[in-house]
Amino acid sequence: MRVRKILLKCIFTFLLIICFSFGNNGTFSKVYPFEPMKSNSEEKPVVIISQHTIIDIINENEIIVDEDINIKNINNTQILQIDYLLNQSFKNLQIQDEDGVLSYDPPDETGIIKIYFRSSINHNQSVLLRVTYNLDKELPKVEGKPSYYYFQILKYNYYFTQRHHITVRLPKNSFIHEFDDFSNSYFPSNATKDDSGNRFYITWEFRNLLPDTTNQIFIWFDEPFNTKSLLFWSIFSPFLGIALGSIFVIILMRRREKNKMIEIEKIFLTENQKILLKTIDEHEGKILQKEIMELTGFTKSKISRNLSPLEEKQLIIKEKWGREYRIFITETGKKVIR
């Protein structure tokens, strides 16, 4: 009797599963790993598997955006087009797939661009798009001592997005602005920063973004270094060798200048670090830490915080002097600041 009850329960459960799994046409309905995405009461046809956005700030007037978007058709039918939303002023828009340039309609009054595929995209099929454009904007400059730039971009998630990487490249020889009140120089604050090369990279990673939501990115950065004098000498140093009349000297000087340029270009300083290094250099290359406080007006903690990276980059040497520290500038430090 007990075995019969168990058997009846199994049959009843199986019938319930069949009833829920079959649609009106007698086929199994699609089960999604997330809720159906709705916009204006219509299901959106795709999901973004991954999106990689690189924002390259060349200068205050030239900003290039390059996006790789991997989309997947989650409709039960084929699709021939998708909508792409650009909520920024732009120019020079180009859209491609792996085989070349795709056609698209200009944005409507809401900013939506309709992109047409080369051929129909079947259910569960993925396709990779590359979208490239220039932001039609000029970076605002925040006046101060020193002045610095402010960059903001809004990335609208029109579809459900599983993973979105956003990387911002700052202009060559520029650096993150340092606020005196310890405010963060970029938002959101959970970004990763790479300053190992000759440009700063800041990267954010977002996951499982709902449709019709927005990511806001804010960055404050200082002006690039003035490299005109270095460029002048790198160009005209060979002519100086020719004037001396020695081919060997020419080759030697060019090689030496090239190595020096490579070494110096790898070193980046914040404005506060430049002030400290210049102060030390102007006092015969040696000064007490207490004297730096009196000359710059910086607090003791601010000086310590900015001297540490100078010491790590071997631009200065700190020696114990009684209960104080005496700071010496190195030869590399002289080359960098001069």
C-alpha atoms as a PDB file:
ATOM      1  CA  MET A   1       0.000   0.000   0.000  1.00  0.00           C
ATOM      2  CA  ARG A   2       2.859   2.436   0.867  1.00  0.00           C
ATOM      3  CA  VAL A   3       4.629   1.651  -2.427  1.00  0.00           C
ATOM      4  CA  ARG A   4       1.416   2.410  -4.341  1.00  0.00           C
ATOM      5  CA  LYS A   5       1.081   5.858  -2.668  1.00  0.00           C
ATOM      6  CA  ILE A   6       4.671   6.749  -3.510  1.00  0.00           C
ATOM      7  CA  LEU A   7       4.121   5.653  -7.131  1.00  0.00           C
ATOM      8  CA  LEU A   8       0.969   7.818  -7.432  1.00  0.00           C
ATOM      9  CA  LYS A   9       2.855  10.850  -6.045  1.00  0.00           C
ATOM     10  CA  CYS A  10       5.628  10.416  -8.637  1.00  0.00           C
ATOM     11  CA  ILE A  11       3.100  10.178 -11.485  1.00  0.00           C
ATOM     12  CA  PHE A  12       1.271  13.326 -10.245  1.00  0.00           C
ATOM     13  CA  THR A  13       4.528  15.304  -9.978  1.00  0.00           C
ATOM     14  CA  PHE A  14       5.578  14.244 -13.486  1.00  0.00           C
ATOM     15  CA  LEU A  15       2.210  15.366 -14.910  1.00  0.00           C
ATOM     16  CA  LEU A  16       2.599  18.777 -13.239  1.00  0.00           C
ATOM     17  CA  ILE A  17       6.056  19.213 -14.795  1.00  0.00           C
ATOM     18  CA  ILE A  18       4.703  18.333 -18.244  1.00  0.00           C
ATOM     19  CA  CYS A  19       1.833  20.840 -17.870  1.00  0.00           C
ATOM     20  CA  PHE A  20       4.160  23.715 -16.949  1.00  0.00           C
ATOM     21  CA  SER A  21       6.885  22.835 -19.460  1.00  0.00           C
ATOM     22  CA  PHE A  22       4.750  22.608 -22.620  1.00  0.00           C
ATOM     23  CA  GLY A  23       3.525  25.791 -24.351  1.00  0.00           C
ATOM     24  CA  ASN A  24       0.322  26.148 -26.317  1.00  0.00           C
ATOM     25  CA  ASN A  25       1.920  24.648 -29.434  1.00  0.00           C
ATOM     26  CA  GLY A  26       3.033  21.492 -27.636  1.00  0.00           C
ATOM     27  CA  THR A  27       6.777  22.304 -27.506  1.00  0.00           C
ATOM     28  CA  PHE A  28       8.945  22.951 -24.481  1.00  0.00           C
ATOM     29  CA  SER A  29       9.129  26.644 -23.491  1.00  0.00           C
ATOM     30  CA  LYS A  30      12.522  28.332 -23.087  1.00  0.00           C
ATOM     31  CA  VAL A  31      13.782  28.693 -19.509  1.00  0.00           C
ATOM     32  CA  TYR A  32      15.999  31.785 -18.992  1.00  0.00           C
ATOM     33  CA  PRO A  33      18.530  32.266 -16.191  1.00  0.00           C
ATOM     34  CA  PHE A  34      16.989  35.676 -15.466  1.00  0.00           C
ATOM     35  CA  GLU A  35      13.624  37.368 -15.701  1.00  0.00           C
ATOM     36  CA  PRO A  36      12.449  38.416 -19.194  1.00  0.00           C
ATOM     37  CA  MET A  37      13.628  41.959 -19.959  1.00  0.00           C
ATOM     38  CA  LYS A  38      10.843  44.435 -20.689  1.00  0.00           C
ATOM     39  CA  SER A  39      10.916  47.904 -22.198  1.00  0.00           C
ATOM     40  CA  ASN A  40       7.723  49.648 -23.261  1.00  0.00           C
ATOM     41  CA  SER A  41       5.927  46.349 -22.604  1.00  0.00           C
ATOM     42  CA  GLU A  42       7.973  44.549 -25.288  1.00  0.00           C
ATOM     43  CA  GLU A  43      10.614  41.877 -24.644  1.00  0.00           C
ATOM     44  CA  LYS A  44      14.137  42.971 -25.582  1.00  0.00           C
ATOM     45  CA  PRO A  45      15.594  40.454 -28.019  1.00  0.00           C
ATOM     46  CA  VAL A  46      19.188  40.155 -26.800  1.00  0.00           C
ATOM     47  CA  VAL A  47      21.367  39.932 -23.718  1.00  0.00           C
ATOM     48  CA  ILE A  48      24.884  41.404 -23.520  1.00  0.00           C
ATOM     49  CA  ILE A  49      27.261  38.610 -22.524  1.00  0.00           C
ATOM     50  CA  SER A  50      30.245  40.948 -22.245  1.00  0.00           C
ATOM     51  CA  GLN A  51      31.034  44.556 -23.118  1.00  0.00           C
ATOM     52  CA  HIS A  52      34.515  46.093 -23.117  1.00  0.00           C
ATOM     53  CA  THR A  53      34.632  49.888 -23.339  1.00  0.00           C
ATOM     54  CA  ILE A  54      37.917  51.774 -23.768  1.00  0.00           C
ATOM     55  CA  ILE A  55      37.743  55.565 -23.445  1.00  0.00           C
ATOM     56  CA  ASP A  56      40.952  57.101 -24.778  1.00  0.00           C
ATOM     57  CA  ILE A  57      41.410  60.743 -23.711  1.00  0.00           C
ATOM     58  CA  ILE A  58      44.000  62.047 -26.189  1.00  0.00           C
ATOM     59  CA  ASN A  59      43.600  65.654 -25.060  1.00  0.00           C
ATOM     60  CA  GLU A  60      40.829  67.998 -23.865  1.00  0.00           C
ATOM     61  CA  ASN A  61      39.342  68.147 -27.390  1.00  0.00           C
ATOM     62  CA  GLU A  62      39.792  64.557 -28.590  1.00  0.00           C
ATOM     63  CA  ILE A  63      38.202  61.580 -26.810  1.00  0.00           C
ATOM     64  CA  ILE A  64      37.828  58.245 -28.629  1.00  0.00           C
ATOM     65  CA  VAL A  65      35.467  55.489 -27.434  1.00  0.00           C
ATOM     66  CA  ASP A  66      36.014  51.911 -28.628  1.00  0.00           C
ATOM     67  CA  GLU A  67      33.579  49.169 -27.558  1.00  0.00           C
ATOM     68  CA  ASP A  68      33.553  45.404 -28.144  1.00  0.00           C
ATOM     69  CA  ILE A  69      30.056  44.040 -27.471  1.00  0.00           C
ATOM     70  CA  ASN A  70      29.270  40.320 -27.417  1.00  0.00           C
ATOM     71  CA  ILE A  71      25.489  39.915 -27.773  1.00  0.00           C
ATOM     72  CA  LYS A  72      23.272  36.833 -27.727  1.00  0.00           C
ATOM     73  CA  ASN A  73      19.815  36.351 -29.263  1.00  0.00           C
ATOM     74  CA  ILE A  74      17.434  35.157 -26.532  1.00  0.00           C
ATOM     75  CA  ASN A  75      14.336  35.414 -28.700  1.00  0.00           C
ATOM     76  CA  ASN A  76      12.665  32.234 -29.898  1.00  0.00           C
ATOM     77  CA  THR A  77      12.796  33.710 -33.407  1.00  0.00           C
ATOM     78  CA  GLN A  78      15.480  35.143 -35.634  1.00  0.00           C
ATOM     79  CA  ILE A  79      16.407  38.819 -35.341  1.00  0.00           C
ATOM     80  CA  LEU A  80      17.712  41.092 -38.103  1.00  0.00           C
ATOM     81  CA  GLN A  81      18.471  44.201 -36.062  1.00  0.00           C
ATOM     82  CA  ILE A  82      18.983  45.544 -32.562  1.00  0.00           C
ATOM     83  CA  ASP A  83      18.765  48.920 -30.857  1.00  0.00           C
ATOM     84  CA  TYR A  84      21.862  50.652 -29.501  1.00  0.00           C
ATOM     85  CA  LEU A  85      21.563  53.681 -27.246  1.00  0.00           C
ATOM     86  CA  LEU A  86      24.138  56.483 -27.205  1.00  0.00           C
ATOM     87  CA  ASN A  87      23.253  59.038 -24.551  1.00  0.00           C
ATOM     88  CA  GLN A  88      26.371  61.131 -25.305  1.00  0.00           C
ATOM     89  CA  SER A  89      27.019  63.690 -28.039  1.00  0.00           C
ATOM     90  CA  PHE A  90      29.183  61.899 -30.606  1.00  0.00           C
ATOM     91  CA  LYS A  91      30.697  62.058 -34.088  1.00  0.00           C
ATOM     92  CA  ASN A  92      32.509  59.717 -36.525  1.00  0.00           C
ATOM     93  CA  LEU A  93      30.400  56.698 -35.524  1.00  0.00           C
ATOM     94  CA  GLN A  94      31.398  53.358 -37.058  1.00  0.00           C
ATOM     95  CA  ILE A  95      29.811  49.964 -36.350  1.00  0.00           C
ATOM     96  CA  GLN A  96      31.358  46.649 -37.474  1.00  0.00           C
ATOM     97  CA  ASP A  97      31.061  42.937 -37.026  1.00  0.00           C
ATOM     98  CA  GLU A  98      33.793  40.391 -37.697  1.00  0.00           C
ATOM     99  CA  ASP A  99      33.272  40.701 -41.472  1.00  0.00           C
ATOM    100  CA  GLY A 100      33.264  44.484 -41.812  1.00  0.00           C
ATOM    101  CA  VAL A 101      31.146  47.619 -41.554  1.00  0.00           C
ATOM    102  CA  LEU A 102      27.426  47.345 -40.716  1.00  0.00           C
ATOM    103  CA  SER A 103      24.652  49.752 -41.692  1.00  0.00           C
ATOM    104  CA  TYR A 104      22.572  51.642 -39.133  1.00  0.00           C
ATOM    105  CA  ASP A 105      19.888  54.290 -38.871  1.00  0.00           C
ATOM    106  CA  PRO A 106      20.715  57.702 -37.371  1.00  0.00           C
ATOM    107  CA  PRO A 107      19.608  58.150 -33.749  1.00  0.00           C
ATOM    108  CA  ASP A 108      15.956  59.042 -33.156  1.00  0.00           C
ATOM    109  CA  GLU A 109      14.769  61.685 -30.703  1.00  0.00           C
ATOM    110  CA  THR A 110      15.548  59.351 -27.756  1.00  0.00           C
ATOM    111  CA  GLY A 111      19.122  58.665 -28.952  1.00  0.00           C
ATOM    112  CA  ILE A 112      18.447  55.070 -30.090  1.00  0.00           C
ATOM    113  CA  ILE A 113      20.393  53.822 -33.128  1.00  0.00           C
ATOM    114  CA  LYS A 114      19.025  50.849 -35.073  1.00  0.00           C
ATOM    115  CA  ILE A 115      21.814  48.463 -36.163  1.00  0.00           C
ATOM    116  CA  TYR A 116      21.193  45.996 -39.027  1.00  0.00           C
ATOM    117  CA  PHE A 117      22.971  42.630 -39.016  1.00  0.00           C
ATOM    118  CA  ARG A 118      24.640  41.215 -42.107  1.00  0.00           C
ATOM    119  CA  SER A 119      22.344  38.174 -41.860  1.00  0.00           C
ATOM    120  CA  SER A 120      19.671  36.996 -39.447  1.00  0.00           C
ATOM    121  CA  ILE A 121      20.783  35.934 -35.960  1.00  0.00           C
ATOM    122  CA  ASN A 122      19.207  32.686 -34.810  1.00  0.00           C
ATOM    123  CA  HIS A 123      18.002  31.791 -31.342  1.00  0.00           C
ATOM    124  CA  ASN A 124      20.912  31.329 -28.872  1.00  0.00           C
ATOM    125  CA  GLN A 125      23.397  32.555 -31.480  1.00  0.00           C
ATOM    126  CA  SER A 126      26.041  35.117 -30.449  1.00  0.00           C
ATOM    127  CA  VAL A 127      27.654  37.894 -32.476  1.00  0.00           C
ATOM    128  CA  LEU A 128      30.508  40.309 -31.727  1.00  0.00           C
ATOM    129  CA  LEU A 129      30.067  44.003 -32.562  1.00  0.00           C
ATOM    130  CA  ARG A 130      32.670  46.772 -32.477  1.00  0.00           C
ATOM    131  CA  VAL A 131      31.377  50.320 -32.010  1.00  0.00           C
ATOM    132  CA  THR A 132      33.815  53.244 -32.379  1.00  0.00           C
ATOM    133  CA  TYR A 133      33.085  56.969 -32.102  1.00  0.00           C
ATOM    134  CA  ASN A 134      34.429  60.287 -30.853  1.00  0.00           C
ATOM    135  CA  LEU A 135      32.804  62.111 -27.972  1.00  0.00           C
ATOM    136  CA  ASP A 136      31.684  65.503 -29.239  1.00  0.00           C
ATOM    137  CA  LYS A 137      32.639  67.419 -26.123  1.00  0.00           C
ATOM    138  CA  GLU A 138      35.444  69.470 -24.632  1.00  0.00           C
ATOM    139  CA  LEU A 139      36.726  68.584 -21.189  1.00  0.00           C
ATOM    140  CA  PRO A 140      35.934  71.243 -18.571  1.00  0.00           C
ATOM    141  CA  LYS A 141      38.989  72.723 -16.890  1.00  0.00           C
ATOM    142  CA  VAL A 142      38.791  73.401 -13.160  1.00  0.00           C
ATOM    143  CA  GLU A 143      40.787  76.547 -12.435  1.00  0.00           C
ATOM    144  CA  GLY A 144      43.068  76.476  -9.435  1.00  0.00           C
ATOM    145  CA  LYS A 145      46.714  76.106  -8.443  1.00  0.00           C
ATOM    146  CA  PRO A 146      47.380  73.962 -10.329  1.00  0.00           C
ATOM    147  CA  SER A 147      44.367  73.715 -12.634  1.00  0.00           C
ATOM    148  CA  TYR A 148      43.003  70.273 -13.475  1.00  0.00           C
ATOM    149  CA  TYR A 149      40.436  68.592 -15.733  1.00  0.00           C
ATOM    150  CA  TYR A 150      37.122  66.924 -14.976  1.00  0.00           C
ATOM    151  CA  PHE A 151      35.812  64.014 -17.074  1.00  0.00           C
ATOM    152  CA  GLN A 152      32.380  62.404 -16.809  1.00  0.00           C
ATOM    153  CA  ILE A 153      30.632  59.796 -18.939  1.00  0.00           C
ATOM    154  CA  LEU A 154      27.269  58.038 -18.605  1.00  0.00           C
ATOM    155  CA  LYS A 155      27.019  54.494 -19.969  1.00  0.00           C
ATOM    156  CA  TYR A 156      23.400  53.428 -20.426  1.00  0.00           C
ATOM    157  CA  ASN A 157      22.608  49.707 -20.161  1.00  0.00           C
ATOM    158  CA  TYR A 158      19.826  49.250 -22.694  1.00  0.00           C
ATOM    159  CA  TYR A 159      19.907  45.443 -22.338  1.00  0.00           C
ATOM    160  CA  PHE A 160      20.653  43.079 -19.498  1.00  0.00           C
ATOM    161  CA  THR A 161      24.470  42.984 -19.305  1.00  0.00           C
ATOM    162  CA  GLN A 162      26.290  40.118 -17.624  1.00  0.00           C
ATOM    163  CA  ARG A 163      29.731  41.778 -17.547  1.00  0.00           C
ATOM    164  CA  HIS A 164      30.916  45.275 -18.492  1.00  0.00           C
ATOM    165  CA  HIS A 165      34.534  46.497 -18.321  1.00  0.00           C
ATOM    166  CA  ILE A 166      35.148  50.240 -18.664  1.00  0.00           C
ATOM    167  CA  THR A 167      38.739  51.490 -19.018  1.00  0.00           C
ATOM    168  CA  VAL A 168      39.730  55.165 -19.190  1.00  0.00           C
ATOM    169  CA  ARG A 169      43.155  56.123 -20.540  1.00  0.00           C
ATOM    170  CA  LEU A 170      44.355  59.513 -19.358  1.00  0.00           C
ATOM    171  CA  PRO A 171      46.381  61.729 -21.716  1.00  0.00           C
ATOM    172  CA  LYS A 172      50.066  60.984 -22.062  1.00  0.00           C
ATOM    173  CA  ASN A 173      52.142  62.412 -19.184  1.00  0.00           C
ATOM    174  CA  SER A 174      49.050  63.387 -17.166  1.00  0.00           C
ATOM    175  CA  PHE A 175      48.278  62.028 -13.689  1.00  0.00           C
ATOM    176  CA  ILE A 176      45.462  61.620 -11.188  1.00  0.00           C
ATOM    177  CA  HIS A 177      44.569  64.826  -9.348  1.00  0.00           C
ATOM    178  CA  GLU A 178      45.371  64.788  -5.637  1.00  0.00           C
ATOM    179  CA  PHE A 179      42.879  66.569  -3.397  1.00  0.00           C
ATOM    180  CA  ASP A 180      44.114  68.088  -0.134  1.00  0.00           C
ATOM    181  CA  ASP A 181      41.090  66.792   1.781  1.00  0.00           C
ATOM    182  CA  PHE A 182      41.820  63.151   0.783  1.00  0.00           C
ATOM    183  CA  SER A 183      38.748  63.044  -1.507  1.00  0.00           C
ATOM    184  CA  ASN A 184      38.859  60.256  -4.071  1.00  0.00           C
ATOM    185  CA  SER A 185      39.977  61.373  -7.530  1.00  0.00           C
ATOM    186  CA  TYR A 186      37.623  59.020  -9.385  1.00  0.00           C
ATOM    187  CA  PHE A 187      34.172  57.511  -8.918  1.00  0.00           C
ATOM    188  CA  PRO A 188      33.124  54.759  -8.414  1.00  0.00           C
ATOM    189  CA  SER A 189      36.005  54.249  -6.019  1.00  0.00           C
ATOM    190  CA  ASN A 190      36.285  50.462  -6.550  1.00  0.00           C
ATOM    191  CA  ALA A 191      38.389  50.885  -9.704  1.00  0.00           C
ATOM    192  CA  THR A 192      41.810  49.429 -10.406  1.00  0.00           C
ATOM    193  CA  LYS A 193      44.625  51.819 -11.380  1.00  0.00           C
ATOM    194  CA  ASP A 194      47.653  51.074 -13.546  1.00  0.00           C
ATOM    195  CA  ASP A 195      50.456  53.644 -13.792  1.00  0.00           C
ATOM    196  CA  SER A 196      53.258  51.285 -14.790  1.00  0.00           C
ATOM    197  CA  GLY A 197      53.648  52.755 -18.308  1.00  0.00           C
ATOM    198  CA  ASN A 198      53.691  56.283 -19.657  1.00  0.00           C
ATOM    199  CA  ARG A 199      49.896  56.629 -19.303  1.00  0.00           C
ATOM    200  CA  PHE A 200      47.445  56.120 -16.443  1.00  0.00           C
ATOM    201  CA  TYR A 201      44.750  53.456 -16.895  1.00  0.00           C
ATOM    202  CA  ILE A 202      41.678  53.271 -14.648  1.00  0.00           C
ATOM    203  CA  THR A 203      39.362  50.258 -15.002  1.00  0.00           C
ATOM    204  CA  TRP A 204      35.949  49.419 -13.579  1.00  0.00           C
ATOM    205  CA  GLU A 205      34.154  46.076 -13.736  1.00  0.00           C
ATOM    206  CA  PHE A 206      30.363  45.823 -13.459  1.00  0.00           C
ATOM    207  CA  ARG A 207      28.318  42.601 -13.412  1.00  0.00           C
ATOM    208  CA  ASN A 208      24.683  41.622 -13.926  1.00  0.00           C
ATOM    209  CA  LEU A 209      23.457  45.077 -14.917  1.00  0.00           C
ATOM    210  CA  LEU A 210      19.713  45.380 -15.301  1.00  0.00           C
ATOM    211  CA  PRO A 211      18.245  46.909 -18.473  1.00  0.00           C
ATOM    212  CA  ASP A 212      17.446  50.626 -18.515  1.00  0.00           C
ATOM    213  CA  THR A 213      20.068  51.480 -15.869  1.00  0.00           C
ATOM    214  CA  THR A 214      23.046  53.831 -16.046  1.00  0.00           C
ATOM    215  CA  ASN A 215      26.700  53.641 -14.953  1.00  0.00           C
ATOM    216  CA  GLN A 216      28.309  56.998 -14.155  1.00  0.00           C
ATOM    217  CA  ILE A 217      32.081  57.471 -14.302  1.00  0.00           C
ATOM    218  CA  PHE A 218      33.866  60.548 -12.887  1.00  0.00           C
ATOM    219  CA  ILE A 219      37.613  61.335 -13.059  1.00  0.00           C
ATOM    220  CA  TRP A 220      39.687  64.347 -12.027  1.00  0.00           C
ATOM    221  CA  PHE A 221      43.203  64.562 -13.475  1.00  0.00           C
ATOM    222  CA  ASP A 222      45.969  67.140 -13.755  1.00  0.00           C
ATOM    223  CA  GLU A 223      47.414  68.617 -16.914  1.00  0.00           C
ATOM    224  CA  PRO A 224      50.143  66.711 -18.767  1.00  0.00           C
ATOM    225  CA  PHE A 225      53.765  67.617 -18.113  1.00  0.00           C
ATOM    226  CA  ASN A 226      55.358  70.219 -20.340  1.00  0.00           C
ATOM    227  CA  THR A 227      57.711  68.119 -22.473  1.00  0.00           C
ATOM    228  CA  LYS A 228      58.631  70.742 -25.069  1.00  0.00           C
ATOM    229  CA  SER A 229      62.164  71.251 -23.752  1.00  0.00           C
ATOM    230  CA  LEU A 230      62.823  67.511 -23.675  1.00  0.00           C
ATOM    231  CA  LEU A 231      61.493  67.155 -27.210  1.00  0.00           C
ATOM    232  CA  PHE A 232      63.677  70.047 -28.367  1.00  0.00           C
ATOM    233  CA  TRP A 233      66.864  68.446 -27.062  1.00  0.00           C
ATOM    234  CA  SER A 234      65.969  64.987 -28.338  1.00  0.00           C
ATOM    235  CA  ILE A 235      65.612  66.436 -31.851  1.00  0.00           C
ATOM    236  CA  PHE A 236      68.589  68.804 -31.937  1.00  0.00           C
ATOM    237  CA  SER A 237      71.182  66.895 -29.898  1.00  0.00           C
ATOM    238  CA  PRO A 238      72.477  65.070 -33.037  1.00  0.00           C
ATOM    239  CA  PHE A 239      73.184  68.449 -34.673  1.00  0.00           C
ATOM    240  CA  LEU A 240      75.311  69.435 -31.714  1.00  0.00           C
ATOM    241  CA  GLY A 241      77.407  66.305 -32.320  1.00  0.00           C
ATOM    242  CA  ILE A 242      77.779  67.180 -35.991  1.00  0.00           C
ATOM    243  CA  ALA A 243      78.986  70.676 -35.017  1.00  0.00           C
ATOM    244  CA  LEU A 244      81.714  69.109 -32.891  1.00  0.00           C
ATOM    245  CA  GLY A 245      82.755  67.104 -35.936  1.00  0.00           C
ATOM    246  CA  SER A 246      82.768  63.654 -34.418  1.00  0.00           C
ATOM    247  CA  ILE A 247      80.535  60.881 -35.745  1.00  0.00           C
ATOM    248  CA  PHE A 248      81.407  58.788 -32.727  1.00  0.00           C
ATOM    249  CA  VAL A 249      80.264  61.553 -30.370  1.00  0.00           C
ATOM    250  CA  ILE A 250      77.028  61.898 -32.350  1.00  0.00           C
ATOM    251  CA  ILE A 251      76.199  58.213 -31.961  1.00  0.00           C
ATOM    252  CA  LEU A 252      77.174  58.233 -28.297  1.00  0.00           C
ATOM    253  CA  MET A 253      75.082  61.313 -27.491  1.00  0.00           C
ATOM    254  CA  ARG A 254      72.007  60.042 -29.311  1.00  0.00           C
ATOM    255  CA  ARG A 255      72.212  56.724 -27.501  1.00  0.00           C
ATOM    256  CA  ARG A 256      72.681  58.458 -24.151  1.00  0.00           C
ATOM    257  CA  GLU A 257      69.788  60.874 -24.769  1.00  0.00           C
ATOM    258  CA  LYS A 258      67.519  58.024 -25.829  1.00  0.00           C
ATOM    259  CA  ASN A 259      68.235  56.040 -22.652  1.00  0.00           C
ATOM    260  CA  LYS A 260      67.757  59.167 -20.520  1.00  0.00           C
ATOM    261  CA  MET A 261      64.414  59.908 -22.189  1.00  0.00           C
ATOM    262  CA  ILE A 262      63.210  56.339 -21.639  1.00  0.00           C
ATOM    263  CA  GLU A 263      64.263  56.510 -17.970  1.00  0.00           C
ATOM    264  CA  ILE A 264      62.630  59.907 -17.320  1.00  0.00           C
ATOM    265  CA  GLU A 265      59.416  59.145 -19.215  1.00  0.00           C
ATOM    266  CA  LYS A 266      58.772  56.196 -16.912  1.00  0.00           C
ATOM    267  CA  ILE A 267      58.753  58.464 -13.849  1.00  0.00           C
ATOM    268  CA  PHE A 268      55.497  60.269 -13.027  1.00  0.00           C
ATOM    269  CA  LEU A 269      55.045  62.719 -10.187  1.00  0.00           C
ATOM    270  CA  THR A 270      51.991  64.378  -8.724  1.00  0.00           C
ATOM    271  CA  GLU A 271      52.005  68.141  -8.429  1.00  0.00           C
ATOM    272  CA  ASN A 272      52.742  67.942  -4.680  1.00  0.00           C
ATOM    273  CA  GLN A 273      55.666  65.597  -5.299  1.00  0.00           C
ATOM    274  CA  LYS A 274      57.065  68.002  -7.923  1.00  0.00           C
ATOM    275  CA  ILE A 275      56.847  70.869  -5.403  1.00  0.00           C
ATOM    276  CA  LEU A 276      58.754  68.869  -2.773  1.00  0.00           C
ATOM    277  CA  LEU A 277      61.436  67.727  -5.220  1.00  0.00           C
ATOM    278  CA  LYS A 278      61.911  71.267  -6.546  1.00  0.00           C
ATOM    279  CA  THR A 279      62.170  72.663  -2.982  1.00  0.00           C
ATOM    280  CA  ILE A 280      64.899  70.158  -2.112  1.00  0.00           C
ATOM    281  CA  ASP A 281      66.793  70.905  -5.338  1.00  0.00           C
ATOM    282  CA  GLU A 282      66.678  74.676  -4.752  1.00  0.00           C
ATOM    283  CA  HIS A 283      68.357  74.227  -1.342  1.00  0.00           C
ATOM    284  CA  GLU A 284      71.587  72.701  -2.646  1.00  0.00           C
ATOM    285  CA  GLY A 285      70.017  69.270  -2.774  1.00  0.00           C
ATOM    286  CA  LYS A 286      69.748  68.816   0.990  1.00  0.00           C
ATOM    287  CA  ILE A 287      67.207  70.044   3.486  1.00  0.00           C
ATOM    288  CA  LEU A 288      65.609  69.090   6.799  1.00  0.00           C
ATOM    289  CA  GLN A 289      62.062  67.749   6.709  1.00  0.00           C
ATOM    290  CA  LYS A 290      61.075  70.463   9.208  1.00  0.00           C
ATOM    291  CA  GLU A 291      62.355  73.144   6.815  1.00  0.00           C
ATOM    292  CA  ILE A 292      60.211  71.698   4.012  1.00  0.00           C
ATOM    293  CA  MET A 293      57.123  72.215   6.196  1.00  0.00           C
ATOM    294  CA  GLU A 294      58.022  75.873   6.718  1.00  0.00           C
ATOM    295  CA  LEU A 295      58.740  76.523   3.015  1.00  0.00           C
ATOM    296  CA  THR A 296      55.757  74.707   1.475  1.00  0.00           C
ATOM    297  CA  GLY A 297      53.098  75.020   4.169  1.00  0.00           C
ATOM    298  CA  PHE A 298      52.415  71.284   3.853  1.00  0.00           C
ATOM    299  CA  THR A 299      51.491  69.274   6.919  1.00  0.00           C
ATOM    300  CA  LYS A 300      53.912  66.686   8.301  1.00  0.00           C
ATOM    301  CA  SER A 301      51.653  63.801   7.205  1.00  0.00           C
ATOM    302  CA  LYS A 302      51.281  65.249   3.702  1.00  0.00           C
ATOM    303  CA  ILE A 303      55.042  65.607   3.346  1.00  0.00           C
ATOM    304  CA  SER A 304      55.658  62.035   4.564  1.00  0.00           C
ATOM    305  CA  ARG A 305      52.963  60.702   2.226  1.00  0.00           C
ATOM    306  CA  ASN A 306      54.540  62.393  -0.800  1.00  0.00           C
ATOM    307  CA  LEU A 307      58.201  61.746   0.115  1.00  0.00           C
ATOM    308  CA  SER A 308      57.669  57.972   0.283  1.00  0.00           C
ATOM    309  CA  PRO A 309      57.072  57.495  -3.490  1.00  0.00           C
ATOM    310  CA  LEU A 310      60.021  59.830  -4.249  1.00  0.00           C
ATOM    311  CA  GLU A 311      62.251  57.609  -2.125  1.00  0.00           C
ATOM    312  CA  GLU A 312      60.862  54.448  -3.773  1.00  0.00           C
ATOM    313  CA  LYS A 313      61.686  55.888  -7.211  1.00  0.00           C
ATOM    314  CA  GLN A 314      65.240  56.692  -5.946  1.00  0.00           C
ATOM    315  CA  LEU A 315      64.787  60.422  -6.515  1.00  0.00           C
ATOM    316  CA  ILE A 316      65.679  61.298  -2.909  1.00  0.00           C
ATOM    317  CA  ILE A 317      67.538  59.779   0.054  1.00  0.00           C
ATOM    318  CA  LYS A 318      66.364  60.188   3.672  1.00  0.00           C
ATOM    319  CA  GLU A 319      68.943  60.126   6.471  1.00  0.00           C
ATOM    320  CA  LYS A 320      68.348  60.296  10.206  1.00  0.00           C
ATOM    321  CA  TRP A 321      69.554  63.636  11.634  1.00  0.00           C
ATOM    322  CA  GLY A 322      69.074  63.613  15.391  1.00  0.00           C
ATOM    323  CA  ARG A 323      65.318  63.480  15.940  1.00  0.00           C
ATOM    324  CA  GLU A 324      64.702  64.747  12.408  1.00  0.00           C
ATOM    325  CA  TYR A 325      65.299  63.562   8.838  1.00  0.00           C
ATOM    326  CA  ARG A 326      67.569  65.258   6.329  1.00  0.00           C
ATOM    327  CA  ILE A 327      66.499  64.845   2.707  1.00  0.00           C
ATOM    328  CA  PHE A 328      69.031  64.633  -0.170  1.00  0.00           C
ATOM    329  CA  ILE A 329      68.149  64.744  -3.877  1.00  0.00           C
ATOM    330  CA  THR A 330      69.769  62.107  -6.114  1.00  0.00           C
ATOM    331  CA  GLU A 331      71.216  62.619  -9.587  1.00  0.00           C
ATOM    332  CA  THR A 332      68.122  60.992 -11.080  1.00  0.00           C
ATOM    333  CA  GLY A 333      65.958  63.361  -9.056  1.00  0.00           C
ATOM    334  CA  LYS A 334      67.887  66.340 -10.463  1.00  0.00           C
ATOM    335  CA  LYS A 335      67.352  65.111 -14.022  1.00  0.00           C
ATOM    336  CA  VAL A 336      63.624  64.638 -13.481  1.00  0.00           C
ATOM    337  CA  ILE A 337      62.925  68.023 -11.856  1.00  0.00           C
ATOM    338  CA  ARG A 338      65.250  70.026 -14.133  1.00  0.00           C
END
